[in-house]
Amino acid sequence: MGKRKSSAKPAPKKRMDKLDTVFSCPFCGHGSSVECRIDMKNSIGEANCRICQESFSTSVTALSEAIDIYSEWIDECERVNNHEDDGDA
């Protein structure tokens, strides 16, 4: 005689932690002063500093998160700084 098959429990779902939406400003250096907002309706992502009023806008996709907008802003700052350094030499 055979054993009865036990019902298999489904694997527990992995919970995704929320990513940050507030970051430190690359210009004034204040921690948690840059807030990123995503407007999916117009496909625009904005990062604004509350202290020095610096801002950055970029186009976003359905997969974009606040950290992506902030990272693009940092990359753009580095690109501009490197370009200015190359022009002075």
N, C-alpha and C. Protein backbone atom coordinates (compact mmCIF):
# COMPACT_ATOMS: atom_id res chain seq x y z
N MET A 1 0.84 -1.18 0.00
CA MET A 1 0.00 0.00 0.00
C MET A 1 0.89 1.24 0.00
N GLY A 2 0.46 2.22 -0.78
CA GLY A 2 1.25 3.45 -0.91
C GLY A 2 0.86 4.51 0.11
N LYS A 3 1.77 5.41 0.35
CA LYS A 3 1.50 6.53 1.26
C LYS A 3 0.71 7.61 0.53
N ARG A 4 0.00 8.38 1.29
CA ARG A 4 -0.69 9.53 0.71
C ARG A 4 0.33 10.64 0.47
N LYS A 5 0.14 11.37 -0.61
CA LYS A 5 1.03 12.48 -0.91
C LYS A 5 0.70 13.67 -0.02
N SER A 6 1.73 14.25 0.56
CA SER A 6 1.51 15.44 1.38
C SER A 6 1.41 16.66 0.46
N SER A 7 0.57 17.58 0.84
CA SER A 7 0.42 18.78 -0.01
C SER A 7 1.64 19.66 0.20
N ALA A 8 2.21 20.13 -0.89
CA ALA A 8 3.39 20.97 -0.83
C ALA A 8 2.98 22.42 -0.54
N LYS A 9 3.68 23.03 0.40
CA LYS A 9 3.40 24.43 0.72
C LYS A 9 4.11 25.31 -0.30
N PRO A 10 3.44 26.40 -0.75
CA PRO A 10 4.11 27.30 -1.68
C PRO A 10 5.25 28.02 -0.99
N ALA A 11 6.27 28.36 -1.76
CA ALA A 11 7.42 29.06 -1.21
C ALA A 11 7.00 30.44 -0.74
N PRO A 12 7.53 30.91 0.39
CA PRO A 12 7.15 32.24 0.87
C PRO A 12 7.65 33.32 -0.10
N LYS A 13 6.84 34.35 -0.27
CA LYS A 13 7.22 35.44 -1.16
C LYS A 13 8.27 36.31 -0.48
N LYS A 14 9.25 36.72 -1.27
CA LYS A 14 10.29 37.60 -0.74
C LYS A 14 9.75 39.02 -0.72
N ARG A 15 9.92 39.66 0.40
CA ARG A 15 9.43 41.03 0.54
C ARG A 15 10.51 42.00 0.09
N MET A 16 10.15 42.91 -0.81
CA MET A 16 11.08 43.92 -1.28
C MET A 16 11.08 45.09 -0.30
N ASP A 17 12.26 45.48 0.14
CA ASP A 17 12.36 46.65 0.99
C ASP A 17 12.19 47.90 0.14
N LYS A 18 11.61 48.92 0.73
CA LYS A 18 11.43 50.19 0.02
C LYS A 18 12.79 50.85 -0.18
N LEU A 19 13.00 51.41 -1.37
CA LEU A 19 14.23 52.12 -1.65
C LEU A 19 14.10 53.56 -1.17
N ASP A 20 15.24 54.19 -0.90
CA ASP A 20 15.24 55.57 -0.43
C ASP A 20 14.70 56.52 -1.51
N THR A 21 14.05 57.60 -1.06
CA THR A 21 13.61 58.67 -1.97
C THR A 21 14.25 59.99 -1.59
N VAL A 22 15.03 60.01 -0.51
CA VAL A 22 15.69 61.23 -0.04
C VAL A 22 17.19 60.95 0.04
N PHE A 23 18.00 61.90 -0.50
CA PHE A 23 19.43 61.70 -0.61
C PHE A 23 20.18 62.95 -0.19
N SER A 24 21.51 62.88 -0.16
CA SER A 24 22.32 64.06 0.16
C SER A 24 22.62 64.83 -1.13
N CYS A 25 22.73 66.16 -0.99
CA CYS A 25 22.92 67.03 -2.15
C CYS A 25 24.39 67.04 -2.57
N PRO A 26 24.68 66.88 -3.87
CA PRO A 26 26.07 66.92 -4.33
C PRO A 26 26.64 68.34 -4.34
N PHE A 27 25.80 69.36 -4.27
CA PHE A 27 26.27 70.74 -4.32
C PHE A 27 26.48 71.33 -2.94
N CYS A 28 25.47 71.27 -2.07
CA CYS A 28 25.61 71.90 -0.75
C CYS A 28 26.04 70.90 0.31
N GLY A 29 25.92 69.60 0.06
CA GLY A 29 26.40 68.58 0.99
C GLY A 29 25.46 68.25 2.14
N HIS A 30 24.29 68.87 2.20
CA HIS A 30 23.35 68.55 3.27
C HIS A 30 22.80 67.14 3.08
N GLY A 31 22.78 66.38 4.15
CA GLY A 31 22.23 65.03 4.10
C GLY A 31 20.71 65.07 4.07
N SER A 32 20.12 64.20 3.36
CA SER A 32 18.66 64.04 3.22
C SER A 32 17.95 65.34 2.84
N SER A 33 18.55 66.10 1.92
CA SER A 33 17.90 67.34 1.46
C SER A 33 17.39 67.22 0.03
N VAL A 34 17.82 66.20 -0.70
CA VAL A 34 17.37 66.01 -2.07
C VAL A 34 16.21 65.03 -2.10
N GLU A 35 15.11 65.47 -2.66
CA GLU A 35 13.93 64.63 -2.77
C GLU A 35 13.67 64.33 -4.25
N CYS A 36 13.44 63.08 -4.57
CA CYS A 36 13.19 62.67 -5.95
C CYS A 36 11.71 62.38 -6.14
N ARG A 37 11.17 62.88 -7.23
CA ARG A 37 9.77 62.63 -7.57
C ARG A 37 9.71 62.09 -8.99
N ILE A 38 8.76 61.17 -9.20
CA ILE A 38 8.58 60.57 -10.52
C ILE A 38 7.16 60.86 -10.99
N ASP A 39 7.05 61.45 -12.18
CA ASP A 39 5.75 61.71 -12.80
C ASP A 39 5.62 60.76 -13.98
N MET A 40 4.96 59.62 -13.74
CA MET A 40 4.82 58.61 -14.78
C MET A 40 3.92 59.07 -15.92
N LYS A 41 2.98 59.95 -15.61
CA LYS A 41 2.06 60.43 -16.64
C LYS A 41 2.81 61.17 -17.74
N ASN A 42 3.79 61.99 -17.33
CA ASN A 42 4.58 62.76 -18.30
C ASN A 42 5.96 62.18 -18.53
N SER A 43 6.28 61.05 -17.91
CA SER A 43 7.58 60.36 -18.03
C SER A 43 8.75 61.28 -17.67
N ILE A 44 8.60 61.99 -16.54
CA ILE A 44 9.65 62.90 -16.09
C ILE A 44 10.00 62.57 -14.65
N GLY A 45 11.29 62.52 -14.36
CA GLY A 45 11.78 62.35 -13.01
C GLY A 45 12.53 63.60 -12.58
N GLU A 46 12.27 64.08 -11.37
CA GLU A 46 12.91 65.30 -10.89
C GLU A 46 13.58 65.05 -9.55
N ALA A 47 14.75 65.66 -9.38
CA ALA A 47 15.45 65.65 -8.10
C ALA A 47 15.68 67.10 -7.71
N ASN A 48 15.20 67.49 -6.51
CA ASN A 48 15.31 68.87 -6.05
C ASN A 48 15.92 68.90 -4.66
N CYS A 49 16.84 69.87 -4.45
CA CYS A 49 17.42 70.10 -3.13
C CYS A 49 16.61 71.17 -2.43
N ARG A 50 16.19 70.90 -1.19
CA ARG A 50 15.41 71.87 -0.44
C ARG A 50 16.27 72.99 0.12
N ILE A 51 17.56 72.79 0.25
CA ILE A 51 18.44 73.79 0.86
C ILE A 51 18.96 74.79 -0.18
N CYS A 52 19.64 74.28 -1.20
CA CYS A 52 20.26 75.18 -2.19
C CYS A 52 19.43 75.34 -3.46
N GLN A 53 18.28 74.71 -3.55
CA GLN A 53 17.33 74.84 -4.66
C GLN A 53 17.87 74.33 -6.00
N GLU A 54 18.93 73.52 -5.98
CA GLU A 54 19.42 72.89 -7.21
C GLU A 54 18.41 71.83 -7.64
N SER A 55 18.28 71.63 -8.95
CA SER A 55 17.33 70.63 -9.44
C SER A 55 17.89 69.94 -10.67
N PHE A 56 17.32 68.78 -10.96
CA PHE A 56 17.71 67.98 -12.11
C PHE A 56 16.47 67.25 -12.61
N SER A 57 16.29 67.22 -13.93
CA SER A 57 15.16 66.51 -14.53
C SER A 57 15.68 65.54 -15.58
N THR A 58 15.00 64.42 -15.71
CA THR A 58 15.37 63.43 -16.70
C THR A 58 14.13 62.65 -17.12
N SER A 59 14.23 61.97 -18.23
CA SER A 59 13.11 61.13 -18.65
C SER A 59 13.20 59.79 -17.93
N VAL A 60 12.03 59.21 -17.64
CA VAL A 60 11.98 57.96 -16.90
C VAL A 60 11.16 56.93 -17.66
N THR A 61 11.33 55.67 -17.26
CA THR A 61 10.53 54.59 -17.81
C THR A 61 9.71 53.99 -16.68
N ALA A 62 8.93 52.99 -17.00
CA ALA A 62 8.09 52.35 -15.99
C ALA A 62 8.93 51.64 -14.93
N LEU A 63 10.17 51.31 -15.24
CA LEU A 63 11.03 50.60 -14.30
C LEU A 63 11.89 51.53 -13.45
N SER A 64 11.86 52.82 -13.70
CA SER A 64 12.71 53.77 -12.99
C SER A 64 12.27 53.95 -11.55
N GLU A 65 13.24 54.16 -10.68
CA GLU A 65 13.02 54.43 -9.26
C GLU A 65 13.73 55.73 -8.91
N ALA A 66 13.50 56.21 -7.70
CA ALA A 66 14.10 57.47 -7.25
C ALA A 66 15.63 57.39 -7.26
N ILE A 67 16.18 56.25 -6.88
CA ILE A 67 17.63 56.09 -6.87
C ILE A 67 18.22 56.21 -8.28
N ASP A 68 17.46 55.82 -9.30
CA ASP A 68 17.92 55.94 -10.67
C ASP A 68 18.05 57.41 -11.07
N ILE A 69 17.10 58.23 -10.67
CA ILE A 69 17.14 59.65 -10.99
C ILE A 69 18.33 60.30 -10.29
N TYR A 70 18.51 60.00 -9.01
CA TYR A 70 19.63 60.55 -8.25
C TYR A 70 20.97 60.11 -8.86
N SER A 71 21.07 58.86 -9.25
CA SER A 71 22.32 58.34 -9.85
C SER A 71 22.62 59.04 -11.17
N GLU A 72 21.59 59.28 -11.97
CA GLU A 72 21.79 60.01 -13.24
C GLU A 72 22.27 61.42 -12.97
N TRP A 73 21.75 62.06 -11.91
CA TRP A 73 22.17 63.42 -11.56
C TRP A 73 23.65 63.42 -11.17
N ILE A 74 24.05 62.45 -10.35
CA ILE A 74 25.45 62.35 -9.93
C ILE A 74 26.34 62.09 -11.14
N ASP A 75 25.92 61.19 -12.03
CA ASP A 75 26.70 60.90 -13.24
C ASP A 75 26.84 62.14 -14.12
N GLU A 76 25.77 62.92 -14.24
CA GLU A 76 25.80 64.13 -15.06
C GLU A 76 26.74 65.16 -14.43
N CYS A 77 26.73 65.29 -13.12
CA CYS A 77 27.64 66.21 -12.43
C CYS A 77 29.10 65.81 -12.67
N GLU A 78 29.38 64.52 -12.58
CA GLU A 78 30.74 64.04 -12.82
C GLU A 78 31.15 64.26 -14.27
N ARG A 79 30.22 64.04 -15.20
CA ARG A 79 30.53 64.24 -16.61
C ARG A 79 30.85 65.70 -16.90
N VAL A 80 30.07 66.62 -16.33
CA VAL A 80 30.31 68.04 -16.53
C VAL A 80 31.62 68.46 -15.89
N ASN A 81 31.92 67.96 -14.69
CA ASN A 81 33.17 68.31 -14.03
C ASN A 81 34.38 67.77 -14.79
N ASN A 82 34.31 66.56 -15.30
CA ASN A 82 35.41 66.00 -16.08
C ASN A 82 35.59 66.74 -17.39
N HIS A 83 34.52 67.17 -18.00
CA HIS A 83 34.58 67.91 -19.26
C HIS A 83 35.25 69.27 -19.02
N GLU A 84 34.93 69.92 -17.90
CA GLU A 84 35.55 71.21 -17.58
C GLU A 84 37.03 71.02 -17.27
N ASP A 85 37.40 69.94 -16.59
CA ASP A 85 38.80 69.67 -16.28
C ASP A 85 39.60 69.45 -17.56
N ASP A 86 39.02 68.75 -18.54
CA ASP A 86 39.70 68.50 -19.80
C ASP A 86 39.87 69.78 -20.60
N GLY A 87 38.94 70.70 -20.52
CA GLY A 87 39.00 71.96 -21.27
C GLY A 87 40.04 72.91 -20.74
N ASP A 88 40.35 72.84 -19.43
CA ASP A 88 41.32 73.74 -18.84
C ASP A 88 42.75 73.36 -19.18
N ALA A 89 43.01 72.12 -19.47
CA ALA A 89 44.38 71.64 -19.68
C ALA A 89 44.93 72.07 -21.01
